[in-house]
PDB file of N, CA and C in Angstrom:
ATOM      1  N   UNK A   1     145.153 192.332 134.116  1.00  0.00           N
ATOM      2  CA  UNK A   1     145.265 191.620 135.305  1.00  0.00           C
ATOM      3  C   UNK A   1     146.197 190.581 135.104  1.00  0.00           C
ATOM      4  N   UNK A   2     147.215 190.285 135.986  1.00  0.00           N
ATOM      5  CA  UNK A   2     148.268 189.461 135.831  1.00  0.00           C
ATOM      6  C   UNK A   2     147.759 188.039 135.966  1.00  0.00           C
ATOM      7  N   UNK A   3     148.309 187.137 135.306  1.00  0.00           N
ATOM      8  CA  UNK A   3     148.030 185.733 135.040  1.00  0.00           C
ATOM      9  C   UNK A   3     148.559 185.000 136.301  1.00  0.00           C
ATOM     10  N   UNK A   4     147.718 184.178 137.009  1.00  0.00           N
ATOM     11  CA  UNK A   4     148.189 183.273 138.220  1.00  0.00           C
ATOM     12  C   UNK A   4     148.995 182.337 137.558  1.00  0.00           C
ATOM     13  N   UNK A   5     150.133 181.863 138.102  1.00  0.00           N
ATOM     14  CA  UNK A   5     151.113 180.700 137.629  1.00  0.00           C
ATOM     15  C   UNK A   5     151.760 180.065 138.557  1.00  0.00           C
ATOM     16  N   UNK A   6     152.031 178.810 138.429  1.00  0.00           N
ATOM     17  CA  UNK A   6     152.350 178.027 139.363  1.00  0.00           C
ATOM     18  C   UNK A   6     151.861 177.546 140.580  1.00  0.00           C
ATOM     19  N   UNK A   7     150.464 177.715 140.329  1.00  0.00           N
ATOM     20  CA  UNK A   7     149.506 177.376 141.631  1.00  0.00           C
ATOM     21  C   UNK A   7     149.474 175.729 141.605  1.00  0.00           C
ATOM     22  N   UNK A   8     149.753 175.130 142.573  1.00  0.00           N
ATOM     23  CA  UNK A   8     149.825 173.678 142.383  1.00  0.00           C
ATOM     24  C   UNK A   8     148.715 173.166 143.462  1.00  0.00           C
ATOM     25  N   UNK A   9     148.052 172.027 143.099  1.00  0.00           N
ATOM     26  CA  UNK A   9     146.841 171.608 143.630  1.00  0.00           C
ATOM     27  C   UNK A   9     147.351 170.159 144.248  1.00  0.00           C
ATOM     28  N   UNK A  10     147.028 169.728 145.383  1.00  0.00           N
ATOM     29  CA  UNK A  10     147.573 168.210 145.934  1.00  0.00           C
ATOM     30  C   UNK A  10     147.085 167.145 144.829  1.00  0.00           C
ATOM     31  N   UNK A  11     147.828 166.251 144.705  1.00  0.00           N
ATOM     32  CA  UNK A  11     147.505 165.154 143.944  1.00  0.00           C
ATOM     33  C   UNK A  11     145.929 164.314 144.320  1.00  0.00           C
ATOM     34  N   UNK A  12     145.936 164.504 145.574  1.00  0.00           N
ATOM     35  CA  UNK A  12     144.673 163.867 146.122  1.00  0.00           C
ATOM     36  C   UNK A  12     143.442 164.493 145.372  1.00  0.00           C
ATOM     37  N   UNK A  13     143.555 165.857 145.434  1.00  0.00           N
ATOM     38  CA  UNK A  13     142.515 166.832 145.113  1.00  0.00           C
ATOM     39  C   UNK A  13     142.230 166.469 143.573  1.00  0.00           C
ATOM     40  N   UNK A  14     143.405 166.430 142.738  1.00  0.00           N
ATOM     41  CA  UNK A  14     143.380 166.353 141.278  1.00  0.00           C
ATOM     42  C   UNK A  14     142.645 164.991 141.095  1.00  0.00           C
ATOM     43  N   UNK A  15     142.972 163.791 141.638  1.00  0.00           N
ATOM     44  CA  UNK A  15     142.379 162.451 141.547  1.00  0.00           C
ATOM     45  C   UNK A  15     140.914 162.475 141.835  1.00  0.00           C
ATOM     46  N   UNK A  16     140.776 163.142 142.951  1.00  0.00           N
ATOM     47  CA  UNK A  16     139.191 163.142 143.270  1.00  0.00           C
ATOM     48  C   UNK A  16     138.225 164.052 142.347  1.00  0.00           C
ATOM     49  N   UNK A  17     139.047 164.996 141.636  1.00  0.00           N
ATOM     50  CA  UNK A  17     138.349 165.778 140.750  1.00  0.00           C
ATOM     51  C   UNK A  17     138.029 165.111 139.530  1.00  0.00           C
ATOM     52  N   UNK A  18     139.099 164.283 139.016  1.00  0.00           N
ATOM     53  CA  UNK A  18     138.816 163.540 137.758  1.00  0.00           C
ATOM     54  C   UNK A  18     137.848 162.409 138.216  1.00  0.00           C
ATOM     55  N   UNK A  19     138.089 161.698 139.223  1.00  0.00           N
ATOM     56  CA  UNK A  19     136.832 160.588 139.756  1.00  0.00           C
ATOM     57  C   UNK A  19     135.690 161.161 139.710  1.00  0.00           C
ATOM     58  N   UNK A  20     135.313 162.338 140.128  1.00  0.00           N
ATOM     59  CA  UNK A  20     134.021 163.088 140.069  1.00  0.00           C
ATOM     60  C   UNK A  20     133.338 163.450 138.711  1.00  0.00           C
ATOM     61  N   UNK A  21     134.414 163.789 138.003  1.00  0.00           N
ATOM     62  CA  UNK A  21     134.155 164.096 136.442  1.00  0.00           C
ATOM     63  C   UNK A  21     133.574 162.773 135.912  1.00  0.00           C
ATOM     64  N   UNK A  22     134.208 161.684 136.084  1.00  0.00           N
ATOM     65  CA  UNK A  22     133.899 160.416 135.513  1.00  0.00           C
ATOM     66  C   UNK A  22     132.712 159.747 135.938  1.00  0.00           C
ATOM     67  N   UNK A  23     132.409 160.195 137.333  1.00  0.00           N
ATOM     68  CA  UNK A  23     131.375 159.509 138.066  1.00  0.00           C
ATOM     69  C   UNK A  23     129.784 160.454 137.891  1.00  0.00           C
ATOM     70  N   UNK A  24     130.119 161.524 137.208  1.00  0.00           N
ATOM     71  CA  UNK A  24     129.023 162.588 137.088  1.00  0.00           C
ATOM     72  C   UNK A  24     128.889 162.768 135.823  1.00  0.00           C
ATOM     73  N   UNK A  25     128.334 161.946 134.815  1.00  0.00           N
ATOM     74  CA  UNK A  25     128.241 162.192 133.366  1.00  0.00           C
ATOM     75  C   UNK A  25     127.024 163.354 133.226  1.00  0.00           C
ATOM     76  N   UNK A  26     126.107 163.473 134.294  1.00  0.00           N
ATOM     77  CA  UNK A  26     125.116 164.308 133.908  1.00  0.00           C
ATOM     78  C   UNK A  26     125.361 165.809 134.234  1.00  0.00           C
ATOM     79  N   UNK A  27     126.706 165.959 134.907  1.00  0.00           N
ATOM     80  CA  UNK A  27     127.016 167.280 135.162  1.00  0.00           C
ATOM     81  C   UNK A  27     128.208 167.643 134.238  1.00  0.00           C
ATOM     82  N   UNK A  28     128.374 168.858 133.468  1.00  0.00           N
ATOM     83  CA  UNK A  28     129.446 169.316 132.607  1.00  0.00           C
ATOM     84  C   UNK A  28     130.661 169.575 133.371  1.00  0.00           C
ATOM     85  N   UNK A  29     131.775 169.549 132.599  1.00  0.00           N
ATOM     86  CA  UNK A  29     132.926 169.822 133.242  1.00  0.00           C
ATOM     87  C   UNK A  29     133.082 171.147 133.792  1.00  0.00           C
ATOM     88  N   UNK A  30     132.208 172.306 133.033  1.00  0.00           N
ATOM     89  CA  UNK A  30     132.200 173.635 133.487  1.00  0.00           C
ATOM     90  C   UNK A  30     131.464 173.818 134.690  1.00  0.00           C
ATOM     91  N   UNK A  31     130.504 172.964 134.969  1.00  0.00           N
ATOM     92  CA  UNK A  31     129.665 172.820 136.303  1.00  0.00           C
ATOM     93  C   UNK A  31     130.525 172.326 137.338  1.00  0.00           C
ATOM     94  N   UNK A  32     131.168 171.351 137.342  1.00  0.00           N
ATOM     95  CA  UNK A  32     131.933 170.544 138.212  1.00  0.00           C
ATOM     96  C   UNK A  32     133.262 171.600 138.533  1.00  0.00           C
ATOM     97  N   UNK A  33     133.818 172.188 137.539  1.00  0.00           N
ATOM     98  CA  UNK A  33     134.963 173.071 137.855  1.00  0.00           C
ATOM     99  C   UNK A  33     134.487 174.149 138.672  1.00  0.00           C
ATOM    100  N   UNK A  34     133.254 174.813 138.131  1.00  0.00           N
ATOM    101  CA  UNK A  34     132.958 175.875 138.984  1.00  0.00           C
ATOM    102  C   UNK A  34     132.711 175.632 140.658  1.00  0.00           C
ATOM    103  N   UNK A  35     132.022 174.175 140.915  1.00  0.00           N
ATOM    104  CA  UNK A  35     131.814 173.865 142.095  1.00  0.00           C
ATOM    105  C   UNK A  35     132.998 173.548 142.998  1.00  0.00           C
ATOM    106  N   UNK A  36     134.249 173.092 142.209  1.00  0.00           N
ATOM    107  CA  UNK A  36     135.587 172.894 142.744  1.00  0.00           C
ATOM    108  C   UNK A  36     136.295 174.213 143.141  1.00  0.00           C
ATOM    109  N   UNK A  37     136.021 175.128 142.458  1.00  0.00           N
ATOM    110  CA  UNK A  37     136.699 176.410 142.432  1.00  0.00           C
ATOM    111  C   UNK A  37     137.815 176.440 141.736  1.00  0.00           C
ATOM    112  N   UNK A  38     137.790 175.816 140.428  1.00  0.00           N
ATOM    113  CA  UNK A  38     139.058 175.658 139.632  1.00  0.00           C
ATOM    114  C   UNK A  38     138.579 176.267 138.173  1.00  0.00           C
ATOM    115  N   UNK A  39     139.440 176.286 137.219  1.00  0.00           N
ATOM    116  CA  UNK A  39     139.314 176.719 135.863  1.00  0.00           C
ATOM    117  C   UNK A  39     138.835 175.364 135.102  1.00  0.00           C
ATOM    118  N   UNK A  40     137.847 175.431 134.229  1.00  0.00           N
ATOM    119  CA  UNK A  40     137.248 174.544 133.543  1.00  0.00           C
ATOM    120  C   UNK A  40     138.399 173.703 132.569  1.00  0.00           C
ATOM    121  N   UNK A  41     139.315 174.583 132.177  1.00  0.00           N
ATOM    122  CA  UNK A  41     140.466 174.030 131.441  1.00  0.00           C
ATOM    123  C   UNK A  41     141.324 173.171 132.310  1.00  0.00           C
ATOM    124  N   UNK A  42     141.567 173.614 133.458  1.00  0.00           N
ATOM    125  CA  UNK A  42     142.248 172.856 134.354  1.00  0.00           C
ATOM    126  C   UNK A  42     141.930 171.558 134.522  1.00  0.00           C
ATOM    127  N   UNK A  43     140.468 171.424 134.782  1.00  0.00           N
ATOM    128  CA  UNK A  43     140.039 170.105 134.960  1.00  0.00           C
ATOM    129  C   UNK A  43     139.945 169.300 133.864  1.00  0.00           C
ATOM    130  N   UNK A  44     139.808 169.749 132.602  1.00  0.00           N
ATOM    131  CA  UNK A  44     139.867 169.150 131.393  1.00  0.00           C
ATOM    132  C   UNK A  44     141.377 168.646 131.140  1.00  0.00           C
ATOM    133  N   UNK A  45     142.261 169.412 131.490  1.00  0.00           N
ATOM    134  CA  UNK A  45     143.761 169.039 131.561  1.00  0.00           C
ATOM    135  C   UNK A  45     144.054 167.881 132.445  1.00  0.00           C
ATOM    136  N   UNK A  46     143.484 167.803 133.632  1.00  0.00           N
ATOM    137  CA  UNK A  46     143.627 166.647 134.389  1.00  0.00           C
ATOM    138  C   UNK A  46     142.986 165.495 134.087  1.00  0.00           C
ATOM    139  N   UNK A  47     141.901 165.685 133.400  1.00  0.00           N
ATOM    140  CA  UNK A  47     141.179 164.488 132.982  1.00  0.00           C
ATOM    141  C   UNK A  47     141.878 163.925 131.902  1.00  0.00           C
ATOM    142  N   UNK A  48     142.389 164.493 130.809  1.00  0.00           N
ATOM    143  CA  UNK A  48     143.227 164.235 129.942  1.00  0.00           C
ATOM    144  C   UNK A  48     144.378 163.339 130.159  1.00  0.00           C
ATOM    145  N   UNK A  49     145.326 164.047 131.320  1.00  0.00           N
ATOM    146  CA  UNK A  49     146.373 163.580 131.749  1.00  0.00           C
ATOM    147  C   UNK A  49     146.074 162.245 132.448  1.00  0.00           C
ATOM    148  N   UNK A  50     144.933 161.915 133.134  1.00  0.00           N
ATOM    149  CA  UNK A  50     144.618 160.716 133.939  1.00  0.00           C
ATOM    150  C   UNK A  50     144.367 159.672 132.762  1.00  0.00           C
ATOM    151  N   UNK A  51     143.856 160.038 131.559  1.00  0.00           N
ATOM    152  CA  UNK A  51     143.427 159.111 130.396  1.00  0.00           C
ATOM    153  C   UNK A  51     144.758 158.687 129.873  1.00  0.00           C
ATOM    154  N   UNK A  52     145.702 159.568 129.674  1.00  0.00           N
ATOM    155  CA  UNK A  52     147.059 159.434 129.289  1.00  0.00           C
ATOM    156  C   UNK A  52     147.804 158.310 130.275  1.00  0.00           C
ATOM    157  N   UNK A  53     147.890 158.531 131.507  1.00  0.00           N
ATOM    158  CA  UNK A  53     148.490 157.853 132.425  1.00  0.00           C
ATOM    159  C   UNK A  53     147.917 156.430 132.531  1.00  0.00           C
ATOM    160  N   UNK A  54     146.445 156.277 132.234  1.00  0.00           N
ATOM    161  CA  UNK A  54     145.800 154.850 132.239  1.00  0.00           C
ATOM    162  C   UNK A  54     146.052 154.264 130.912  1.00  0.00           C
ATOM    163  N   UNK A  55     146.645 154.778 129.918  1.00  0.00           N
ATOM    164  CA  UNK A  55     146.957 154.184 128.632  1.00  0.00           C
ATOM    165  C   UNK A  55     145.779 154.326 127.604  1.00  0.00           C
ATOM    166  N   UNK A  56     144.800 155.211 127.992  1.00  0.00           N
ATOM    167  CA  UNK A  56     143.354 155.148 127.125  1.00  0.00           C
ATOM    168  C   UNK A  56     143.782 156.374 126.097  1.00  0.00           C
ATOM    169  N   UNK A  57     144.920 156.998 126.181  1.00  0.00           N
ATOM    170  CA  UNK A  57     145.118 158.098 125.328  1.00  0.00           C
ATOM    171  C   UNK A  57     146.708 158.269 125.037  1.00  0.00           C
ATOM    172  N   UNK A  58     146.935 158.695 123.789  1.00  0.00           N
ATOM    173  CA  UNK A  58     148.186 158.982 123.439  1.00  0.00           C
ATOM    174  C   UNK A  58     148.998 160.287 124.005  1.00  0.00           C
ATOM    175  N   UNK A  59     150.206 160.157 124.552  1.00  0.00           N
ATOM    176  CA  UNK A  59     151.019 161.216 125.102  1.00  0.00           C
ATOM    177  C   UNK A  59     151.807 160.755 126.066  1.00  0.00           C
ATOM    178  N   UNK A  60     152.668 161.853 126.670  1.00  0.00           N
ATOM    179  CA  UNK A  60     153.522 161.503 127.671  1.00  0.00           C
ATOM    180  C   UNK A  60     152.902 161.466 129.101  1.00  0.00           C
ATOM    181  N   UNK A  61     153.109 160.324 129.615  1.00  0.00           N
ATOM    182  CA  UNK A  61     152.606 160.037 131.148  1.00  0.00           C
ATOM    183  C   UNK A  61     153.222 160.925 132.075  1.00  0.00           C
ATOM    184  N   UNK A  62     152.683 160.968 133.265  1.00  0.00           N
ATOM    185  CA  UNK A  62     153.272 161.940 134.231  1.00  0.00           C
ATOM    186  C   UNK A  62     154.699 161.760 134.663  1.00  0.00           C
ATOM    187  N   UNK A  63     155.156 160.564 134.622  1.00  0.00           N
ATOM    188  CA  UNK A  63     156.562 160.206 135.095  1.00  0.00           C
ATOM    189  C   UNK A  63     157.429 160.754 133.923  1.00  0.00           C
ATOM    190  N   UNK A  64     156.881 160.540 132.588  1.00  0.00           N
ATOM    191  CA  UNK A  64     157.750 161.041 131.453  1.00  0.00           C
ATOM    192  C   UNK A  64     157.885 162.617 131.448  1.00  0.00           C
ATOM    193  N   UNK A  65     156.731 163.225 131.654  1.00  0.00           N
ATOM    194  CA  UNK A  65     156.630 164.702 131.828  1.00  0.00           C
ATOM    195  C   UNK A  65     157.645 165.369 132.709  1.00  0.00           C
ATOM    196  N   UNK A  66     157.575 164.456 134.063  1.00  0.00           N
ATOM    197  CA  UNK A  66     158.475 165.092 135.116  1.00  0.00           C
ATOM    198  C   UNK A  66     159.866 164.823 134.625  1.00  0.00           C
ATOM    199  N   UNK A  67     160.340 163.520 134.179  1.00  0.00           N
ATOM    200  CA  UNK A  67     161.803 163.602 133.628  1.00  0.00           C
ATOM    201  C   UNK A  67     161.904 164.410 132.643  1.00  0.00           C
ATOM    202  N   UNK A  68     161.142 164.909 131.575  1.00  0.00           N
ATOM    203  CA  UNK A  68     161.453 165.714 130.679  1.00  0.00           C
ATOM    204  C   UNK A  68     161.580 167.201 131.129  1.00  0.00           C
ATOM    205  N   UNK A  69     160.984 167.487 132.067  1.00  0.00           N
ATOM    206  CA  UNK A  69     161.024 168.741 132.802  1.00  0.00           C
ATOM    207  C   UNK A  69     162.387 168.854 133.628  1.00  0.00           C
ATOM    208  N   UNK A  70     162.687 167.783 134.233  1.00  0.00           N
ATOM    209  CA  UNK A  70     164.018 167.693 135.067  1.00  0.00           C
ATOM    210  C   UNK A  70     165.128 167.871 134.015  1.00  0.00           C
ATOM    211  N   UNK A  71     165.179 167.016 132.874  1.00  0.00           N
ATOM    212  CA  UNK A  71     166.221 167.159 131.962  1.00  0.00           C
ATOM    213  C   UNK A  71     166.326 168.412 131.294  1.00  0.00           C
ATOM    214  N   UNK A  72     165.124 169.163 131.025  1.00  0.00           N
ATOM    215  CA  UNK A  72     165.419 170.510 130.396  1.00  0.00           C
ATOM    216  C   UNK A  72     165.970 171.660 131.489  1.00  0.00           C
ATOM    217  N   UNK A  73     165.626 171.460 132.572  1.00  0.00           N
ATOM    218  CA  UNK A  73     166.241 172.096 133.679  1.00  0.00           C
ATOM    219  C   UNK A  73     167.713 172.090 133.839  1.00  0.00           C
ATOM    220  N   UNK A  74     168.114 170.719 133.794  1.00  0.00           N
ATOM    221  CA  UNK A  74     169.420 170.434 133.966  1.00  0.00           C
ATOM    222  C   UNK A  74     170.395 170.714 132.748  1.00  0.00           C
ATOM    223  N   UNK A  75     169.675 170.838 131.486  1.00  0.00           N
ATOM    224  CA  UNK A  75     170.148 171.236 130.071  1.00  0.00           C
ATOM    225  C   UNK A  75     170.440 172.821 130.295  1.00  0.00           C
ATOM    226  N   UNK A  76     169.410 173.534 130.803  1.00  0.00           N
ATOM    227  CA  UNK A  76     169.538 174.876 130.999  1.00  0.00           C
ATOM    228  C   UNK A  76     170.810 175.189 131.894  1.00  0.00           C
ATOM    229  N   UNK A  77     170.890 174.692 132.900  1.00  0.00           N
ATOM    230  CA  UNK A  77     171.833 175.004 133.993  1.00  0.00           C
ATOM    231  C   UNK A  77     173.368 174.834 133.318  1.00  0.00           C
ATOM    232  N   UNK A  78     173.269 173.465 132.576  1.00  0.00           N
ATOM    233  CA  UNK A  78     174.817 173.091 132.053  1.00  0.00           C
ATOM    234  C   UNK A  78     174.867 174.154 131.057  1.00  0.00           C
ATOM    235  N   UNK A  79     174.063 174.566 130.299  1.00  0.00           N
ATOM    236  CA  UNK A  79     174.370 175.736 129.275  1.00  0.00           C
ATOM    237  C   UNK A  79     174.709 176.972 129.859  1.00  0.00           C
ATOM    238  N   UNK A  80     174.226 177.317 130.969  1.00  0.00           N
ATOM    239  CA  UNK A  80     174.555 178.586 131.740  1.00  0.00           C
ATOM    240  C   UNK A  80     176.020 178.485 132.318  1.00  0.00           C
ATOM    241  N   UNK A  81     176.100 177.131 132.813  1.00  0.00           N
ATOM    242  CA  UNK A  81     177.669 176.893 133.388  1.00  0.00           C
ATOM    243  C   UNK A  81     178.686 177.219 132.145  1.00  0.00           C
ATOM    244  N   UNK A  82     178.398 176.421 130.933  1.00  0.00           N
ATOM    245  CA  UNK A  82     179.159 176.591 130.030  1.00  0.00           C
ATOM    246  C   UNK A  82     179.480 178.114 129.616  1.00  0.00           C
ATOM    247  N   UNK A  83     178.448 178.670 129.581  1.00  0.00           N
ATOM    248  CA  UNK A  83     178.787 180.245 128.988  1.00  0.00           C
ATOM    249  C   UNK A  83     179.589 180.892 130.061  1.00  0.00           C
ATOM    250  N   UNK A  84     179.480 180.771 131.197  1.00  0.00           N
ATOM    251  CA  UNK A  84     180.204 181.392 132.359  1.00  0.00           C
ATOM    252  C   UNK A  84     181.537 180.981 132.127  1.00  0.00           C
ATOM    253  N   UNK A  85     181.941 179.666 131.831  1.00  0.00           N
ATOM    254  CA  UNK A  85     183.219 179.087 131.823  1.00  0.00           C
ATOM    255  C   UNK A  85     183.921 179.771 130.614  1.00  0.00           C
ATOM    256  N   UNK A  86     183.253 179.933 129.487  1.00  0.00           N
ATOM    257  CA  UNK A  86     183.946 180.655 128.227  1.00  0.00           C
ATOM    258  C   UNK A  86     184.354 181.949 128.453  1.00  0.00           C
ATOM    259  N   UNK A  87     183.737 182.733 129.327  1.00  0.00           N
ATOM    260  CA  UNK A  87     184.120 184.126 129.657  1.00  0.00           C
ATOM    261  C   UNK A  87     185.532 184.066 130.274  1.00  0.00           C
ATOM    262  N   UNK A  88     186.342 185.017 130.110  1.00  0.00           N
ATOM    263  CA  UNK A  88     187.729 185.100 130.751  1.00  0.00           C
ATOM    264  C   UNK A  88     187.726 185.403 132.057  1.00  0.00           C
TER     265      UNK A  88
END
């Protein structure tokens, strides 16, 4: 079965899911994810990123991740353009 990729959830949904996870210590992440209709690892990733954004954990915050993604895309395009210009 092909893997789904690129599915984007609204930021509000992510924030509410993370808040629900923090406010419901009696329920496991697996239970909450099932109730929300998402994969448990997706919820874990959102929780981890929220902790990074709040400075509670080491890592790239959301803004830094977006900038890195943008710069990598730009770099890829520039390399492709350079290769095209090298050809006669």
